[in-house]
């Protein structure tokens, strides 16, 4: 928890102005990705239970060695073992912190209070679930499958995306909105989390945003500009904390 608090505690309005929007979008993407994985996992579990009740499921045999330990080829490192729901809760924890720091999102311009644009959950969920193939993906499919087959593939894929959005869109949006308001406390306590892995996850994302801002600001606004020096100094402190093992 200390690593997380150290990173978040160094943020001020100027630092947020330079990296906050991109960081919030990245964090929201994590919430969408892991939230979607959780919803699909719940559906799969429900279907498996239904199949088992109806007698259509398949029993899974488990082999153990002489000591009774389960044989597995999975990576069982502590980080990999972290559940999807915990990773989802990590993202919502950071989004909750962003929401609580209201001073980051308002500023005064010409004597009037203005509010910064923030990612809209409903819009981002739509982009996430309905995202079409990229130009590079389309080219690859045409080269590999031929133009006609690739075109048919793309049409089927679009139908699948729409069906996925209809099934999960509203639920994922509500899940994120509820949980970023502290909803993770309904199912677990923060002391159950792997805070070391959480800190590493946040640091990796944040370090990229900070490094980009520190390179961009002096090139655009000058290396002798006082506010650039001050802001980059604060960002450097955040970068230093992000690099801590």
C-alpha atoms as a PDB file:
ATOM      1  CA  UNK A   1       0.000   0.000   0.000  1.00  0.00           C
ATOM      2  CA  UNK A   2       2.891   2.374   0.724  1.00  0.00           C
ATOM      3  CA  UNK A   3       4.112   2.248  -2.880  1.00  0.00           C
ATOM      4  CA  UNK A   4       0.662   3.216  -4.165  1.00  0.00           C
ATOM      5  CA  UNK A   5       0.267   6.000  -1.605  1.00  0.00           C
ATOM      6  CA  UNK A   6       3.740   7.353  -2.395  1.00  0.00           C
ATOM      7  CA  UNK A   7       2.903   7.639  -6.104  1.00  0.00           C
ATOM      8  CA  UNK A   8      -0.529   9.153  -5.609  1.00  0.00           C
ATOM      9  CA  UNK A   9       0.648  11.491  -2.866  1.00  0.00           C
ATOM     10  CA  UNK A  10       3.094  13.252  -5.209  1.00  0.00           C
ATOM     11  CA  UNK A  11       0.384  14.369  -7.608  1.00  0.00           C
ATOM     12  CA  UNK A  12      -0.678  17.989  -7.752  1.00  0.00           C
ATOM     13  CA  UNK A  13      -2.821  19.928 -10.217  1.00  0.00           C
ATOM     14  CA  UNK A  14       0.112  20.659 -12.574  1.00  0.00           C
ATOM     15  CA  UNK A  15       1.179  17.007 -12.753  1.00  0.00           C
ATOM     16  CA  UNK A  16      -2.399  15.927 -13.339  1.00  0.00           C
ATOM     17  CA  UNK A  17      -2.791  18.497 -16.128  1.00  0.00           C
ATOM     18  CA  UNK A  18       0.127  16.938 -17.998  1.00  0.00           C
ATOM     19  CA  UNK A  19      -0.504  13.206 -17.561  1.00  0.00           C
ATOM     20  CA  UNK A  20      -3.920  12.801 -15.945  1.00  0.00           C
ATOM     21  CA  UNK A  21      -6.165  12.418 -18.986  1.00  0.00           C
ATOM     22  CA  UNK A  22      -4.018   9.761 -20.637  1.00  0.00           C
ATOM     23  CA  UNK A  23      -3.565   7.940 -17.348  1.00  0.00           C
ATOM     24  CA  UNK A  24      -7.295   7.983 -16.653  1.00  0.00           C
ATOM     25  CA  UNK A  25      -8.041   6.550 -20.108  1.00  0.00           C
ATOM     26  CA  UNK A  26      -5.482   3.784 -19.579  1.00  0.00           C
ATOM     27  CA  UNK A  27      -6.937   2.978 -16.162  1.00  0.00           C
ATOM     28  CA  UNK A  28     -10.466   2.940 -17.530  1.00  0.00           C
ATOM     29  CA  UNK A  29      -9.308   0.583 -20.269  1.00  0.00           C
ATOM     30  CA  UNK A  30      -7.973  -1.781 -17.588  1.00  0.00           C
ATOM     31  CA  UNK A  31     -11.299  -1.594 -15.769  1.00  0.00           C
ATOM     32  CA  UNK A  32     -13.147  -2.407 -19.005  1.00  0.00           C
ATOM     33  CA  UNK A  33     -10.811  -5.249 -19.942  1.00  0.00           C
ATOM     34  CA  UNK A  34     -10.824  -6.975 -16.558  1.00  0.00           C
ATOM     35  CA  UNK A  35     -14.484  -6.227 -15.923  1.00  0.00           C
ATOM     36  CA  UNK A  36     -15.362  -7.819 -19.265  1.00  0.00           C
ATOM     37  CA  UNK A  37     -13.242 -10.852 -18.379  1.00  0.00           C
ATOM     38  CA  UNK A  38     -15.069 -11.160 -15.040  1.00  0.00           C
ATOM     39  CA  UNK A  39     -18.487 -10.999 -16.709  1.00  0.00           C
ATOM     40  CA  UNK A  40     -17.544 -13.632 -19.284  1.00  0.00           C
ATOM     41  CA  UNK A  41     -16.120 -15.832 -16.541  1.00  0.00           C
ATOM     42  CA  UNK A  42     -19.351 -15.557 -14.557  1.00  0.00           C
ATOM     43  CA  UNK A  43     -21.371 -16.512 -17.626  1.00  0.00           C
ATOM     44  CA  UNK A  44     -19.121 -19.513 -18.255  1.00  0.00           C
ATOM     45  CA  UNK A  45     -19.482 -20.653 -14.647  1.00  0.00           C
ATOM     46  CA  UNK A  46     -23.244 -20.259 -14.788  1.00  0.00           C
ATOM     47  CA  UNK A  47     -23.403 -22.239 -18.024  1.00  0.00           C
ATOM     48  CA  UNK A  48     -21.190 -24.974 -16.589  1.00  0.00           C
ATOM     49  CA  UNK A  49     -23.435 -25.225 -13.542  1.00  0.00           C
ATOM     50  CA  UNK A  50     -26.513 -25.384 -15.753  1.00  0.00           C
ATOM     51  CA  UNK A  51     -24.941 -28.103 -17.895  1.00  0.00           C
ATOM     52  CA  UNK A  52     -24.019 -30.072 -14.807  1.00  0.00           C
ATOM     53  CA  UNK A  53     -27.530 -29.834 -13.374  1.00  0.00           C
ATOM     54  CA  UNK A  54     -28.991 -30.908 -16.705  1.00  0.00           C
ATOM     55  CA  UNK A  55     -26.570 -33.804 -16.956  1.00  0.00           C
ATOM     56  CA  UNK A  56     -24.797 -32.411 -20.019  1.00  0.00           C
ATOM     57  CA  UNK A  57     -21.558 -31.405 -18.345  1.00  0.00           C
ATOM     58  CA  UNK A  58     -18.305 -33.327 -18.512  1.00  0.00           C
ATOM     59  CA  UNK A  59     -16.631 -34.472 -15.321  1.00  0.00           C
ATOM     60  CA  UNK A  60     -12.991 -33.440 -15.097  1.00  0.00           C
ATOM     61  CA  UNK A  61     -10.528 -35.997 -13.790  1.00  0.00           C
ATOM     62  CA  UNK A  62      -7.663 -34.692 -11.694  1.00  0.00           C
ATOM     63  CA  UNK A  63      -4.344 -36.513 -11.465  1.00  0.00           C
ATOM     64  CA  UNK A  64      -2.193 -36.140  -8.370  1.00  0.00           C
ATOM     65  CA  UNK A  65       1.297 -37.286  -7.605  1.00  0.00           C
ATOM     66  CA  UNK A  66       2.282 -39.570  -4.737  1.00  0.00           C
ATOM     67  CA  UNK A  67       2.116 -36.736  -2.222  1.00  0.00           C
ATOM     68  CA  UNK A  68      -1.369 -35.762  -3.293  1.00  0.00           C
ATOM     69  CA  UNK A  69      -0.312 -32.480  -4.915  1.00  0.00           C
ATOM     70  CA  UNK A  70      -2.056 -31.472  -8.114  1.00  0.00           C
ATOM     71  CA  UNK A  71      -0.047 -31.650 -11.305  1.00  0.00           C
ATOM     72  CA  UNK A  72      -0.178 -28.495 -13.367  1.00  0.00           C
ATOM     73  CA  UNK A  73       1.761 -26.788 -16.115  1.00  0.00           C
ATOM     74  CA  UNK A  74       0.340 -23.370 -15.314  1.00  0.00           C
ATOM     75  CA  UNK A  75       2.491 -20.468 -14.190  1.00  0.00           C
ATOM     76  CA  UNK A  76       1.712 -20.258 -10.493  1.00  0.00           C
ATOM     77  CA  UNK A  77       3.758 -17.164  -9.677  1.00  0.00           C
ATOM     78  CA  UNK A  78       2.045 -14.800  -7.201  1.00  0.00           C
ATOM     79  CA  UNK A  79       1.321 -12.199  -9.884  1.00  0.00           C
ATOM     80  CA  UNK A  80      -0.288 -14.639 -12.331  1.00  0.00           C
ATOM     81  CA  UNK A  81      -2.387 -16.119  -9.529  1.00  0.00           C
ATOM     82  CA  UNK A  82      -4.120 -12.784  -8.939  1.00  0.00           C
ATOM     83  CA  UNK A  83      -7.793 -13.034  -9.844  1.00  0.00           C
ATOM     84  CA  UNK A  84      -9.466 -11.080 -12.604  1.00  0.00           C
ATOM     85  CA  UNK A  85     -11.849  -9.479 -10.129  1.00  0.00           C
ATOM     86  CA  UNK A  86      -8.942  -8.176  -8.030  1.00  0.00           C
ATOM     87  CA  UNK A  87      -7.297  -6.638 -11.091  1.00  0.00           C
ATOM     88  CA  UNK A  88     -10.643  -5.037 -11.945  1.00  0.00           C
ATOM     89  CA  UNK A  89     -10.877  -3.672  -8.404  1.00  0.00           C
ATOM     90  CA  UNK A  90      -7.357  -2.221  -8.669  1.00  0.00           C
ATOM     91  CA  UNK A  91      -8.401  -0.148 -11.683  1.00  0.00           C
ATOM     92  CA  UNK A  92     -11.580   1.010  -9.953  1.00  0.00           C
ATOM     93  CA  UNK A  93      -9.590   1.957  -6.842  1.00  0.00           C
ATOM     94  CA  UNK A  94      -7.443   4.311  -8.944  1.00  0.00           C
ATOM     95  CA  UNK A  95     -10.507   5.698 -10.756  1.00  0.00           C
ATOM     96  CA  UNK A  96     -12.075   6.324  -7.340  1.00  0.00           C
ATOM     97  CA  UNK A  97      -8.969   8.258  -6.273  1.00  0.00           C
ATOM     98  CA  UNK A  98      -9.185  10.308  -9.457  1.00  0.00           C
ATOM     99  CA  UNK A  99     -12.860  11.065  -8.779  1.00  0.00           C
ATOM    100  CA  UNK A 100     -12.127  12.130  -5.202  1.00  0.00           C
ATOM    101  CA  UNK A 101      -9.500  14.665  -6.262  1.00  0.00           C
ATOM    102  CA  UNK A 102     -12.007  17.105  -7.716  1.00  0.00           C
ATOM    103  CA  UNK A 103      -9.472  19.957  -7.742  1.00  0.00           C
ATOM    104  CA  UNK A 104      -7.604  18.165 -10.546  1.00  0.00           C
ATOM    105  CA  UNK A 105     -10.555  18.480 -12.896  1.00  0.00           C
ATOM    106  CA  UNK A 106     -11.442  22.167 -12.496  1.00  0.00           C
ATOM    107  CA  UNK A 107      -9.531  25.318 -13.437  1.00  0.00           C
ATOM    108  CA  UNK A 108     -10.125  29.047 -13.762  1.00  0.00           C
ATOM    109  CA  UNK A 109     -10.085  30.673 -17.194  1.00  0.00           C
ATOM    110  CA  UNK A 110     -10.904  34.339 -17.690  1.00  0.00           C
ATOM    111  CA  UNK A 111     -12.407  34.417 -14.217  1.00  0.00           C
ATOM    112  CA  UNK A 112     -14.712  31.486 -14.889  1.00  0.00           C
ATOM    113  CA  UNK A 113     -14.535  27.986 -13.433  1.00  0.00           C
ATOM    114  CA  UNK A 114     -14.090  25.407 -16.176  1.00  0.00           C
ATOM    115  CA  UNK A 115     -13.985  21.635 -16.029  1.00  0.00           C
ATOM    116  CA  UNK A 116     -11.624  19.380 -17.904  1.00  0.00           C
ATOM    117  CA  UNK A 117     -12.937  16.761 -20.270  1.00  0.00           C
ATOM    118  CA  UNK A 118     -12.876  13.299 -18.722  1.00  0.00           C
ATOM    119  CA  UNK A 119     -13.416   9.909 -20.386  1.00  0.00           C
ATOM    120  CA  UNK A 120     -17.099   8.994 -20.521  1.00  0.00           C
ATOM    121  CA  UNK A 121     -17.649   5.417 -19.357  1.00  0.00           C
ATOM    122  CA  UNK A 122     -20.573   4.697 -21.704  1.00  0.00           C
ATOM    123  CA  UNK A 123     -18.680   6.019 -24.735  1.00  0.00           C
ATOM    124  CA  UNK A 124     -15.497   4.155 -23.854  1.00  0.00           C
ATOM    125  CA  UNK A 125     -17.339   0.881 -23.263  1.00  0.00           C
ATOM    126  CA  UNK A 126     -18.915   1.246 -26.702  1.00  0.00           C
ATOM    127  CA  UNK A 127     -15.520   1.840 -28.306  1.00  0.00           C
ATOM    128  CA  UNK A 128     -14.032  -1.084 -26.388  1.00  0.00           C
ATOM    129  CA  UNK A 129     -16.677  -3.654 -27.293  1.00  0.00           C
ATOM    130  CA  UNK A 130     -17.447  -2.425 -30.822  1.00  0.00           C
ATOM    131  CA  UNK A 131     -13.896  -1.652 -31.946  1.00  0.00           C
ATOM    132  CA  UNK A 132     -13.551  -2.715 -35.608  1.00  0.00           C
ATOM    133  CA  UNK A 133     -10.510  -4.321 -37.158  1.00  0.00           C
ATOM    134  CA  UNK A 134      -7.625  -1.926 -37.706  1.00  0.00           C
ATOM    135  CA  UNK A 135      -6.308  -1.153 -41.189  1.00  0.00           C
ATOM    136  CA  UNK A 136      -3.292  -3.367 -40.486  1.00  0.00           C
ATOM    137  CA  UNK A 137      -5.548  -6.254 -39.420  1.00  0.00           C
ATOM    138  CA  UNK A 138      -7.710  -5.808 -42.519  1.00  0.00           C
ATOM    139  CA  UNK A 139      -4.654  -5.844 -44.798  1.00  0.00           C
ATOM    140  CA  UNK A 140      -3.339  -8.969 -43.104  1.00  0.00           C
ATOM    141  CA  UNK A 141      -6.653 -10.759 -43.508  1.00  0.00           C
ATOM    142  CA  UNK A 142      -6.920  -9.800 -47.180  1.00  0.00           C
ATOM    143  CA  UNK A 143      -3.367 -11.000 -47.824  1.00  0.00           C
ATOM    144  CA  UNK A 144      -3.912 -14.239 -45.913  1.00  0.00           C
ATOM    145  CA  UNK A 145      -7.497 -15.087 -46.858  1.00  0.00           C
ATOM    146  CA  UNK A 146      -8.274 -13.208 -50.044  1.00  0.00           C
ATOM    147  CA  UNK A 147     -10.505 -10.182 -50.412  1.00  0.00           C
ATOM    148  CA  UNK A 148     -13.864 -11.991 -50.593  1.00  0.00           C
ATOM    149  CA  UNK A 149     -13.233 -14.325 -47.659  1.00  0.00           C
ATOM    150  CA  UNK A 150     -11.794 -11.485 -45.575  1.00  0.00           C
ATOM    151  CA  UNK A 151     -14.872  -9.362 -46.320  1.00  0.00           C
ATOM    152  CA  UNK A 152     -17.221 -12.137 -45.189  1.00  0.00           C
ATOM    153  CA  UNK A 153     -15.110 -12.660 -42.066  1.00  0.00           C
ATOM    154  CA  UNK A 154     -15.325  -8.958 -41.215  1.00  0.00           C
ATOM    155  CA  UNK A 155     -19.137  -8.971 -41.571  1.00  0.00           C
ATOM    156  CA  UNK A 156     -19.493 -11.942 -39.224  1.00  0.00           C
ATOM    157  CA  UNK A 157     -17.087 -10.338 -36.765  1.00  0.00           C
ATOM    158  CA  UNK A 158     -19.156  -7.147 -36.774  1.00  0.00           C
ATOM    159  CA  UNK A 159     -22.286  -9.139 -35.908  1.00  0.00           C
ATOM    160  CA  UNK A 160     -20.413 -10.810 -33.051  1.00  0.00           C
ATOM    161  CA  UNK A 161     -19.280  -7.439 -31.714  1.00  0.00           C
ATOM    162  CA  UNK A 162     -22.818  -6.086 -31.773  1.00  0.00           C
ATOM    163  CA  UNK A 163     -24.115  -9.177 -29.986  1.00  0.00           C
ATOM    164  CA  UNK A 164     -21.377  -8.857 -27.369  1.00  0.00           C
ATOM    165  CA  UNK A 165     -22.201  -5.193 -26.859  1.00  0.00           C
ATOM    166  CA  UNK A 166     -25.908  -5.972 -26.478  1.00  0.00           C
ATOM    167  CA  UNK A 167     -25.120  -8.674 -23.934  1.00  0.00           C
ATOM    168  CA  UNK A 168     -22.417  -6.951 -21.876  1.00  0.00           C
ATOM    169  CA  UNK A 169     -22.409  -3.221 -22.678  1.00  0.00           C
ATOM    170  CA  UNK A 170     -24.850  -1.918 -20.074  1.00  0.00           C
ATOM    171  CA  UNK A 171     -23.745  -4.421 -17.448  1.00  0.00           C
ATOM    172  CA  UNK A 172     -20.081  -3.524 -17.873  1.00  0.00           C
ATOM    173  CA  UNK A 173     -20.860   0.187 -17.730  1.00  0.00           C
ATOM    174  CA  UNK A 174     -22.870  -0.231 -14.515  1.00  0.00           C
ATOM    175  CA  UNK A 175     -20.252  -2.521 -13.018  1.00  0.00           C
ATOM    176  CA  UNK A 176     -17.506   0.071 -13.514  1.00  0.00           C
ATOM    177  CA  UNK A 177     -19.619   2.997 -12.310  1.00  0.00           C
ATOM    178  CA  UNK A 178     -20.717   1.169  -9.160  1.00  0.00           C
ATOM    179  CA  UNK A 179     -17.311  -0.247  -8.293  1.00  0.00           C
ATOM    180  CA  UNK A 180     -15.334   2.973  -8.828  1.00  0.00           C
ATOM    181  CA  UNK A 181     -17.605   4.492  -6.163  1.00  0.00           C
ATOM    182  CA  UNK A 182     -16.183   2.038  -3.635  1.00  0.00           C
ATOM    183  CA  UNK A 183     -18.135  -1.026  -4.656  1.00  0.00           C
ATOM    184  CA  UNK A 184     -15.110  -3.306  -4.212  1.00  0.00           C
ATOM    185  CA  UNK A 185     -15.705  -3.096  -0.463  1.00  0.00           C
ATOM    186  CA  UNK A 186     -18.965  -5.012  -0.924  1.00  0.00           C
ATOM    187  CA  UNK A 187     -17.092  -8.205  -1.763  1.00  0.00           C
ATOM    188  CA  UNK A 188     -13.644  -7.912  -0.205  1.00  0.00           C
ATOM    189  CA  UNK A 189     -11.377  -5.685   1.836  1.00  0.00           C
ATOM    190  CA  UNK A 190      -8.322  -3.905   0.503  1.00  0.00           C
ATOM    191  CA  UNK A 191      -6.137  -5.867   2.915  1.00  0.00           C
ATOM    192  CA  UNK A 192      -6.851  -8.983   0.824  1.00  0.00           C
ATOM    193  CA  UNK A 193      -5.102  -7.499  -2.206  1.00  0.00           C
ATOM    194  CA  UNK A 194      -1.584  -8.140  -3.414  1.00  0.00           C
ATOM    195  CA  UNK A 195      -0.440  -4.574  -2.909  1.00  0.00           C
ATOM    196  CA  UNK A 196       3.056  -5.252  -4.229  1.00  0.00           C
ATOM    197  CA  UNK A 197       1.686  -6.413  -7.591  1.00  0.00           C
ATOM    198  CA  UNK A 198      -0.861  -3.584  -7.554  1.00  0.00           C
ATOM    199  CA  UNK A 199       1.909  -1.026  -7.091  1.00  0.00           C
ATOM    200  CA  UNK A 200       3.926  -2.573  -9.911  1.00  0.00           C
ATOM    201  CA  UNK A 201       0.909  -2.499 -12.215  1.00  0.00           C
ATOM    202  CA  UNK A 202       0.202   1.181 -11.543  1.00  0.00           C
ATOM    203  CA  UNK A 203       3.877   2.140 -11.757  1.00  0.00           C
ATOM    204  CA  UNK A 204       4.336   0.551 -15.191  1.00  0.00           C
ATOM    205  CA  UNK A 205       1.403   2.460 -16.658  1.00  0.00           C
ATOM    206  CA  UNK A 206       2.164   5.751 -14.944  1.00  0.00           C
ATOM    207  CA  UNK A 207       5.887   5.719 -15.721  1.00  0.00           C
ATOM    208  CA  UNK A 208       5.189   5.734 -19.469  1.00  0.00           C
ATOM    209  CA  UNK A 209       2.891   8.772 -19.166  1.00  0.00           C
ATOM    210  CA  UNK A 210       5.338  10.649 -16.953  1.00  0.00           C
ATOM    211  CA  UNK A 211       8.355   9.966 -19.182  1.00  0.00           C
ATOM    212  CA  UNK A 212       6.437  11.195 -22.225  1.00  0.00           C
ATOM    213  CA  UNK A 213       5.423  14.438 -20.499  1.00  0.00           C
ATOM    214  CA  UNK A 214       8.960  15.110 -19.257  1.00  0.00           C
ATOM    215  CA  UNK A 215      10.291  14.799 -22.797  1.00  0.00           C
ATOM    216  CA  UNK A 216       7.494  16.779 -24.435  1.00  0.00           C
ATOM    217  CA  UNK A 217       7.131  19.782 -22.101  1.00  0.00           C
ATOM    218  CA  UNK A 218      10.630  21.338 -22.322  1.00  0.00           C
ATOM    219  CA  UNK A 219      10.813  20.752 -26.061  1.00  0.00           C
ATOM    220  CA  UNK A 220       7.529  22.584 -26.616  1.00  0.00           C
ATOM    221  CA  UNK A 221       7.639  25.285 -23.937  1.00  0.00           C
ATOM    222  CA  UNK A 222      11.364  25.751 -23.327  1.00  0.00           C
ATOM    223  CA  UNK A 223      13.955  24.427 -20.910  1.00  0.00           C
ATOM    224  CA  UNK A 224      14.168  27.731 -18.998  1.00  0.00           C
ATOM    225  CA  UNK A 225      10.427  28.281 -18.503  1.00  0.00           C
ATOM    226  CA  UNK A 226       9.812  28.358 -14.713  1.00  0.00           C
ATOM    227  CA  UNK A 227       6.589  26.342 -14.689  1.00  0.00           C
ATOM    228  CA  UNK A 228       8.139  23.716 -16.953  1.00  0.00           C
ATOM    229  CA  UNK A 229      11.073  23.338 -14.572  1.00  0.00           C
ATOM    230  CA  UNK A 230       8.731  23.057 -11.592  1.00  0.00           C
ATOM    231  CA  UNK A 231       6.348  20.607 -13.243  1.00  0.00           C
ATOM    232  CA  UNK A 232       9.107  18.394 -14.631  1.00  0.00           C
ATOM    233  CA  UNK A 233      10.749  18.384 -11.210  1.00  0.00           C
ATOM    234  CA  UNK A 234       7.533  17.056  -9.657  1.00  0.00           C
ATOM    235  CA  UNK A 235       7.081  14.550 -12.466  1.00  0.00           C
ATOM    236  CA  UNK A 236      10.663  13.366 -11.936  1.00  0.00           C
ATOM    237  CA  UNK A 237       9.830  12.606  -8.309  1.00  0.00           C
ATOM    238  CA  UNK A 238       6.857  10.511  -9.445  1.00  0.00           C
ATOM    239  CA  UNK A 239       9.036   8.748 -12.011  1.00  0.00           C
ATOM    240  CA  UNK A 240      11.562   7.963  -9.290  1.00  0.00           C
ATOM    241  CA  UNK A 241       8.894   6.374  -7.076  1.00  0.00           C
ATOM    242  CA  UNK A 242       7.530   4.413 -10.051  1.00  0.00           C
ATOM    243  CA  UNK A 243      10.972   2.904 -10.594  1.00  0.00           C
ATOM    244  CA  UNK A 244      11.221   1.519  -7.053  1.00  0.00           C
ATOM    245  CA  UNK A 245      11.267  -2.298  -7.012  1.00  0.00           C
END
